[in-house]
Amino acid sequence: MKQRKKTKYVHEGRYVAEVEVGLLEDETGWSPYLSIEEAYKLDDVREALRRGDVESAAKYGRIYELRPVAHP
């Protein structure tokens, strides 16, 4: 079983988190996939962003605030 790094983006409300996770690769048809710990990490980031707790979300990666730049 091999592991490779991948950047995942979690969008919640006006925030986006850029989180590095490890994808597991093996010989099964389910490959590549997240470990349960990596999936929980993404869930934790999403919940923190949903609460507006940017400080907690930032423990896992970079956080960006989205804002409109043009309006029709």
Protein backbone atom coordinates (compact mmCIF):
# COMPACT_ATOMS: atom_id res chain seq x y z
CA MET A 1 0.00 0.00 0.00
CA LYS A 2 1.36 3.41 -0.98
CA GLN A 3 0.37 6.85 0.19
CA ARG A 4 0.56 10.07 -1.80
CA LYS A 5 -0.22 13.65 -0.85
CA LYS A 6 -3.12 15.53 -2.40
CA THR A 7 -4.53 19.00 -1.79
CA LYS A 8 -8.25 19.05 -1.08
CA TYR A 9 -10.40 22.17 -0.99
CA VAL A 10 -13.25 22.46 1.51
CA HIS A 11 -15.78 25.19 0.69
CA GLU A 12 -18.18 26.27 3.40
CA GLY A 13 -20.03 29.58 3.34
CA ARG A 14 -17.67 32.40 2.52
CA TYR A 15 -14.53 30.39 3.33
CA VAL A 16 -12.38 27.85 1.52
CA ALA A 17 -9.78 25.70 3.26
CA GLU A 18 -6.80 24.24 1.42
CA VAL A 19 -5.94 21.02 3.26
CA GLU A 20 -3.22 18.49 2.43
CA VAL A 21 -4.35 14.88 2.89
CA GLY A 22 -2.82 11.50 2.22
CA LEU A 23 -4.48 9.24 -0.34
CA LEU A 24 -3.96 5.51 0.05
CA GLU A 25 -3.29 3.47 -3.08
CA ASP A 26 -3.49 -0.31 -3.26
CA GLU A 27 -4.49 -3.06 -5.67
CA THR A 28 -8.23 -2.90 -4.96
CA GLY A 29 -10.84 -1.26 -7.12
CA TRP A 30 -11.42 1.36 -4.41
CA SER A 31 -8.04 3.01 -4.82
CA PRO A 32 -7.14 5.82 -4.25
CA TYR A 33 -9.05 6.56 -1.04
CA LEU A 34 -8.80 8.54 2.19
CA SER A 35 -7.98 6.92 5.51
CA ILE A 36 -10.62 7.40 8.19
CA GLU A 37 -8.32 9.88 9.97
CA GLU A 38 -7.95 11.99 6.82
CA ALA A 39 -11.72 11.94 6.25
CA TYR A 40 -12.29 13.09 9.83
CA LYS A 41 -9.74 15.88 9.29
CA LEU A 42 -11.79 17.19 6.36
CA ASP A 43 -14.98 16.88 8.44
CA ASP A 44 -13.36 18.86 11.28
CA VAL A 45 -12.32 21.62 8.90
CA ARG A 46 -15.81 21.80 7.38
CA GLU A 47 -17.46 21.99 10.81
CA ALA A 48 -15.06 24.71 11.98
CA LEU A 49 -15.73 26.78 8.86
CA ARG A 50 -19.47 26.26 9.27
CA ARG A 51 -19.19 27.72 12.80
CA GLY A 52 -17.04 30.58 11.51
CA ASP A 53 -14.13 29.32 13.65
CA VAL A 54 -11.33 30.23 11.26
CA GLU A 55 -8.65 29.77 13.93
CA SER A 56 -9.55 26.09 14.46
CA ALA A 57 -9.81 25.44 10.73
CA ALA A 58 -6.39 27.06 10.17
CA LYS A 59 -4.75 24.28 12.24
CA TYR A 60 -5.26 22.00 9.23
CA GLY A 61 -4.27 24.28 6.35
CA ARG A 62 -4.67 27.62 4.64
CA ILE A 63 -7.98 29.44 4.87
CA TYR A 64 -9.27 31.83 2.23
CA GLU A 65 -12.19 34.22 2.49
CA LEU A 66 -14.28 34.53 -0.65
CA ARG A 67 -15.69 37.86 -1.69
CA PRO A 68 -17.50 38.92 -4.83
CA VAL A 69 -15.51 41.06 -7.25
CA ALA A 70 -18.22 41.68 -9.84
CA HIS A 71 -21.98 41.83 -9.67
CA PRO A 72 -24.30 41.80 -12.71
